[in-house]
Amino acid sequence: MVAGLALGDADALPEGDYHLPNVLAWVMEGIARAGAARLLALLAPFAGHRWRVVRLLMAGNVGAPRFGPRLSRSRWAQLGH
């Protein structure tokens, strides 16, 4: 992240990021979940500009679908929100 943000490296890739593979897989393939290996495979055609692709995704405020338990509206109101 530092190499891309502070140093301007156009090909810096934050490997080990938890959410980035999911976001990239959702945008490029419509798959909700992916791993680090899939992230590298999806960004292979953009060699030299991988950080720029990541920045475009971050600027577009795109996210993969979320799975997991949610609070109901009534429970949310009980908590004072």
N, C-alpha and C. Protein backbone atom coordinates (compact mmCIF):
# COMPACT_ATOMS: atom_id res chain seq x y z
N MET A 1 0.82 -1.19 0.00
CA MET A 1 0.00 0.00 0.00
C MET A 1 0.87 1.26 0.00
N VAL A 2 1.95 1.23 0.76
CA VAL A 2 2.82 2.40 0.83
C VAL A 2 3.47 2.65 -0.52
N ALA A 3 3.92 1.58 -1.18
CA ALA A 3 4.58 1.75 -2.48
C ALA A 3 3.63 2.36 -3.50
N GLY A 4 2.37 1.98 -3.46
CA GLY A 4 1.41 2.52 -4.40
C GLY A 4 0.98 3.93 -4.06
N LEU A 5 0.67 4.16 -2.78
CA LEU A 5 0.16 5.48 -2.39
C LEU A 5 1.25 6.54 -2.28
N ALA A 6 2.27 6.24 -1.53
CA ALA A 6 3.28 7.27 -1.25
C ALA A 6 4.35 7.37 -2.33
N LEU A 7 4.76 6.22 -2.86
CA LEU A 7 5.87 6.23 -3.81
C LEU A 7 5.41 6.26 -5.27
N GLY A 8 4.12 6.07 -5.51
CA GLY A 8 3.60 6.16 -6.87
C GLY A 8 3.92 4.98 -7.76
N ASP A 9 4.20 3.82 -7.18
CA ASP A 9 4.50 2.62 -7.97
C ASP A 9 3.21 2.13 -8.63
N ALA A 10 3.15 2.16 -9.94
CA ALA A 10 1.93 1.81 -10.68
C ALA A 10 1.64 0.32 -10.66
N ASP A 11 2.61 -0.50 -10.27
CA ASP A 11 2.41 -1.94 -10.28
C ASP A 11 2.41 -2.55 -8.88
N ALA A 12 2.44 -1.71 -7.85
CA ALA A 12 2.42 -2.23 -6.47
C ALA A 12 1.08 -2.91 -6.22
N LEU A 13 1.13 -4.06 -5.58
CA LEU A 13 -0.10 -4.80 -5.31
C LEU A 13 -0.13 -5.21 -3.86
N PRO A 14 -1.17 -4.81 -3.12
CA PRO A 14 -1.24 -5.18 -1.70
C PRO A 14 -1.66 -6.64 -1.54
N GLU A 15 -0.70 -7.53 -1.60
CA GLU A 15 -1.00 -8.95 -1.41
C GLU A 15 -1.28 -9.20 0.06
N GLY A 16 -2.20 -10.09 0.34
CA GLY A 16 -2.58 -10.39 1.71
C GLY A 16 -3.77 -9.57 2.16
N ASP A 17 -4.28 -8.70 1.33
CA ASP A 17 -5.47 -7.93 1.67
C ASP A 17 -6.67 -8.88 1.75
N TYR A 18 -7.52 -8.71 2.72
CA TYR A 18 -8.63 -9.63 2.94
C TYR A 18 -9.78 -9.39 1.96
N HIS A 19 -10.10 -8.14 1.67
CA HIS A 19 -11.28 -7.82 0.87
C HIS A 19 -11.00 -7.65 -0.61
N LEU A 20 -9.80 -7.27 -0.95
CA LEU A 20 -9.48 -6.95 -2.34
C LEU A 20 -9.74 -8.09 -3.33
N PRO A 21 -9.36 -9.34 -3.04
CA PRO A 21 -9.66 -10.41 -4.00
C PRO A 21 -11.16 -10.59 -4.24
N ASN A 22 -11.96 -10.41 -3.20
CA ASN A 22 -13.41 -10.54 -3.35
C ASN A 22 -13.98 -9.43 -4.22
N VAL A 23 -13.54 -8.21 -4.00
CA VAL A 23 -14.02 -7.08 -4.78
C VAL A 23 -13.64 -7.24 -6.24
N LEU A 24 -12.41 -7.60 -6.50
CA LEU A 24 -11.94 -7.75 -7.87
C LEU A 24 -12.66 -8.89 -8.59
N ALA A 25 -12.87 -10.01 -7.90
CA ALA A 25 -13.59 -11.13 -8.51
C ALA A 25 -15.04 -10.75 -8.80
N TRP A 26 -15.64 -9.96 -7.92
CA TRP A 26 -17.03 -9.55 -8.13
C TRP A 26 -17.15 -8.61 -9.34
N VAL A 27 -16.25 -7.67 -9.45
CA VAL A 27 -16.30 -6.70 -10.54
C VAL A 27 -15.97 -7.35 -11.88
N MET A 28 -14.96 -8.19 -11.93
CA MET A 28 -14.49 -8.74 -13.20
C MET A 28 -15.21 -10.01 -13.64
N GLU A 29 -15.72 -10.80 -12.69
CA GLU A 29 -16.30 -12.08 -13.06
C GLU A 29 -17.70 -12.32 -12.51
N GLY A 30 -18.14 -11.51 -11.56
CA GLY A 30 -19.43 -11.73 -10.94
C GLY A 30 -19.42 -12.85 -9.91
N ILE A 31 -18.23 -13.18 -9.40
CA ILE A 31 -18.08 -14.20 -8.37
C ILE A 31 -17.89 -13.48 -7.05
N ALA A 32 -18.64 -13.92 -6.02
CA ALA A 32 -18.64 -13.20 -4.76
C ALA A 32 -17.37 -13.41 -3.93
N ARG A 33 -16.72 -14.54 -4.04
CA ARG A 33 -15.56 -14.83 -3.21
C ARG A 33 -14.39 -15.34 -4.06
N ALA A 34 -13.18 -14.93 -3.69
CA ALA A 34 -11.97 -15.38 -4.39
C ALA A 34 -10.80 -15.32 -3.42
N GLY A 35 -9.70 -15.91 -3.82
CA GLY A 35 -8.50 -15.92 -2.99
C GLY A 35 -7.38 -15.12 -3.63
N ALA A 36 -6.24 -15.16 -2.99
CA ALA A 36 -5.08 -14.39 -3.46
C ALA A 36 -4.59 -14.88 -4.82
N ALA A 37 -4.65 -16.18 -5.05
CA ALA A 37 -4.20 -16.71 -6.33
C ALA A 37 -5.10 -16.21 -7.46
N ARG A 38 -6.39 -16.14 -7.21
CA ARG A 38 -7.33 -15.64 -8.22
C ARG A 38 -7.11 -14.16 -8.46
N LEU A 39 -6.77 -13.42 -7.42
CA LEU A 39 -6.47 -12.00 -7.56
C LEU A 39 -5.32 -11.79 -8.53
N LEU A 40 -4.25 -12.56 -8.35
CA LEU A 40 -3.09 -12.43 -9.23
C LEU A 40 -3.44 -12.83 -10.66
N ALA A 41 -4.27 -13.86 -10.81
CA ALA A 41 -4.67 -14.29 -12.16
C ALA A 41 -5.52 -13.23 -12.85
N LEU A 42 -6.41 -12.59 -12.11
CA LEU A 42 -7.27 -11.56 -12.71
C LEU A 42 -6.49 -10.31 -13.09
N LEU A 43 -5.45 -10.00 -12.33
CA LEU A 43 -4.66 -8.81 -12.62
C LEU A 43 -3.49 -9.06 -13.56
N ALA A 44 -3.28 -10.31 -13.96
CA ALA A 44 -2.16 -10.63 -14.85
C ALA A 44 -2.20 -9.84 -16.17
N PRO A 45 -3.36 -9.64 -16.81
CA PRO A 45 -3.36 -8.86 -18.05
C PRO A 45 -2.99 -7.39 -17.85
N PHE A 46 -3.04 -6.91 -16.62
CA PHE A 46 -2.75 -5.51 -16.34
C PHE A 46 -1.36 -5.33 -15.75
N ALA A 47 -0.45 -6.24 -16.03
CA ALA A 47 0.91 -6.17 -15.49
C ALA A 47 1.52 -4.81 -15.81
N GLY A 48 2.08 -4.21 -14.80
CA GLY A 48 2.63 -2.86 -14.94
C GLY A 48 1.67 -1.78 -14.48
N HIS A 49 0.40 -2.11 -14.37
CA HIS A 49 -0.61 -1.13 -13.97
C HIS A 49 -1.58 -1.70 -12.94
N ARG A 50 -1.16 -2.70 -12.20
CA ARG A 50 -2.08 -3.37 -11.26
C ARG A 50 -2.56 -2.43 -10.16
N TRP A 51 -1.69 -1.59 -9.64
CA TRP A 51 -2.11 -0.66 -8.60
C TRP A 51 -3.13 0.34 -9.13
N ARG A 52 -2.98 0.73 -10.37
CA ARG A 52 -3.94 1.66 -10.98
C ARG A 52 -5.32 1.04 -11.08
N VAL A 53 -5.38 -0.25 -11.40
CA VAL A 53 -6.67 -0.96 -11.45
C VAL A 53 -7.29 -0.99 -10.06
N VAL A 54 -6.49 -1.27 -9.05
CA VAL A 54 -6.99 -1.31 -7.67
C VAL A 54 -7.50 0.07 -7.26
N ARG A 55 -6.76 1.12 -7.61
CA ARG A 55 -7.20 2.48 -7.27
C ARG A 55 -8.51 2.85 -7.96
N LEU A 56 -8.68 2.43 -9.20
CA LEU A 56 -9.95 2.70 -9.88
C LEU A 56 -11.11 2.01 -9.18
N LEU A 57 -10.89 0.79 -8.72
CA LEU A 57 -11.94 0.10 -7.97
C LEU A 57 -12.25 0.81 -6.66
N MET A 58 -11.21 1.27 -5.97
CA MET A 58 -11.42 1.97 -4.72
C MET A 58 -12.13 3.30 -4.95
N ALA A 59 -11.81 3.98 -6.03
CA ALA A 59 -12.45 5.26 -6.34
C ALA A 59 -13.91 5.07 -6.73
N GLY A 60 -14.22 3.92 -7.33
CA GLY A 60 -15.59 3.65 -7.73
C GLY A 60 -16.48 3.18 -6.60
N ASN A 61 -15.89 2.99 -5.41
CA ASN A 61 -16.63 2.56 -4.23
C ASN A 61 -17.43 1.29 -4.51
N VAL A 62 -16.78 0.32 -5.12
CA VAL A 62 -17.40 -0.95 -5.47
C VAL A 62 -17.11 -1.96 -4.37
N GLY A 63 -18.06 -2.84 -4.09
CA GLY A 63 -17.85 -3.87 -3.08
C GLY A 63 -18.51 -5.17 -3.46
N ALA A 64 -17.96 -6.25 -2.96
CA ALA A 64 -18.56 -7.57 -3.18
C ALA A 64 -19.76 -7.74 -2.25
N PRO A 65 -20.68 -8.63 -2.57
CA PRO A 65 -21.82 -8.86 -1.68
C PRO A 65 -21.37 -9.35 -0.32
N ARG A 66 -22.11 -8.96 0.68
CA ARG A 66 -21.78 -9.36 2.05
C ARG A 66 -22.69 -10.50 2.46
N PHE A 67 -22.12 -11.43 3.18
CA PHE A 67 -22.88 -12.56 3.70
C PHE A 67 -22.69 -12.58 5.21
N GLY A 68 -23.72 -12.96 5.89
CA GLY A 68 -23.60 -13.05 7.34
C GLY A 68 -24.86 -12.58 8.03
N PRO A 69 -24.92 -12.74 9.33
CA PRO A 69 -26.11 -12.35 10.07
C PRO A 69 -26.27 -10.84 10.10
N ARG A 70 -27.50 -10.41 10.08
CA ARG A 70 -27.84 -8.99 10.14
C ARG A 70 -28.83 -8.77 11.28
N LEU A 71 -28.83 -7.57 11.79
CA LEU A 71 -29.82 -7.21 12.79
C LEU A 71 -31.12 -6.86 12.11
N SER A 72 -32.22 -7.29 12.69
CA SER A 72 -33.52 -6.89 12.17
C SER A 72 -33.76 -5.43 12.53
N ARG A 73 -34.67 -4.78 11.85
CA ARG A 73 -34.97 -3.38 12.12
C ARG A 73 -35.47 -3.18 13.55
N SER A 74 -36.29 -4.13 14.03
CA SER A 74 -36.81 -3.99 15.38
C SER A 74 -35.69 -4.11 16.42
N ARG A 75 -34.75 -5.01 16.21
CA ARG A 75 -33.64 -5.16 17.13
C ARG A 75 -32.73 -3.94 17.07
N TRP A 76 -32.55 -3.41 15.88
CA TRP A 76 -31.73 -2.21 15.72
C TRP A 76 -32.35 -1.05 16.51
N ALA A 77 -33.69 -0.93 16.46
CA ALA A 77 -34.38 0.13 17.21
C ALA A 77 -34.26 -0.09 18.72
N GLN A 78 -34.29 -1.34 19.16
CA GLN A 78 -34.15 -1.64 20.58
C GLN A 78 -32.78 -1.23 21.10
N LEU A 79 -31.79 -1.29 20.25
CA LEU A 79 -30.44 -0.91 20.67
C LEU A 79 -30.25 0.60 20.73
N GLY A 80 -31.29 1.34 20.34
CA GLY A 80 -31.24 2.79 20.44
C GLY A 80 -30.69 3.50 19.22
N HIS A 81 -30.77 2.86 18.06
CA HIS A 81 -30.25 3.49 16.84
C HIS A 81 -31.35 3.94 15.95
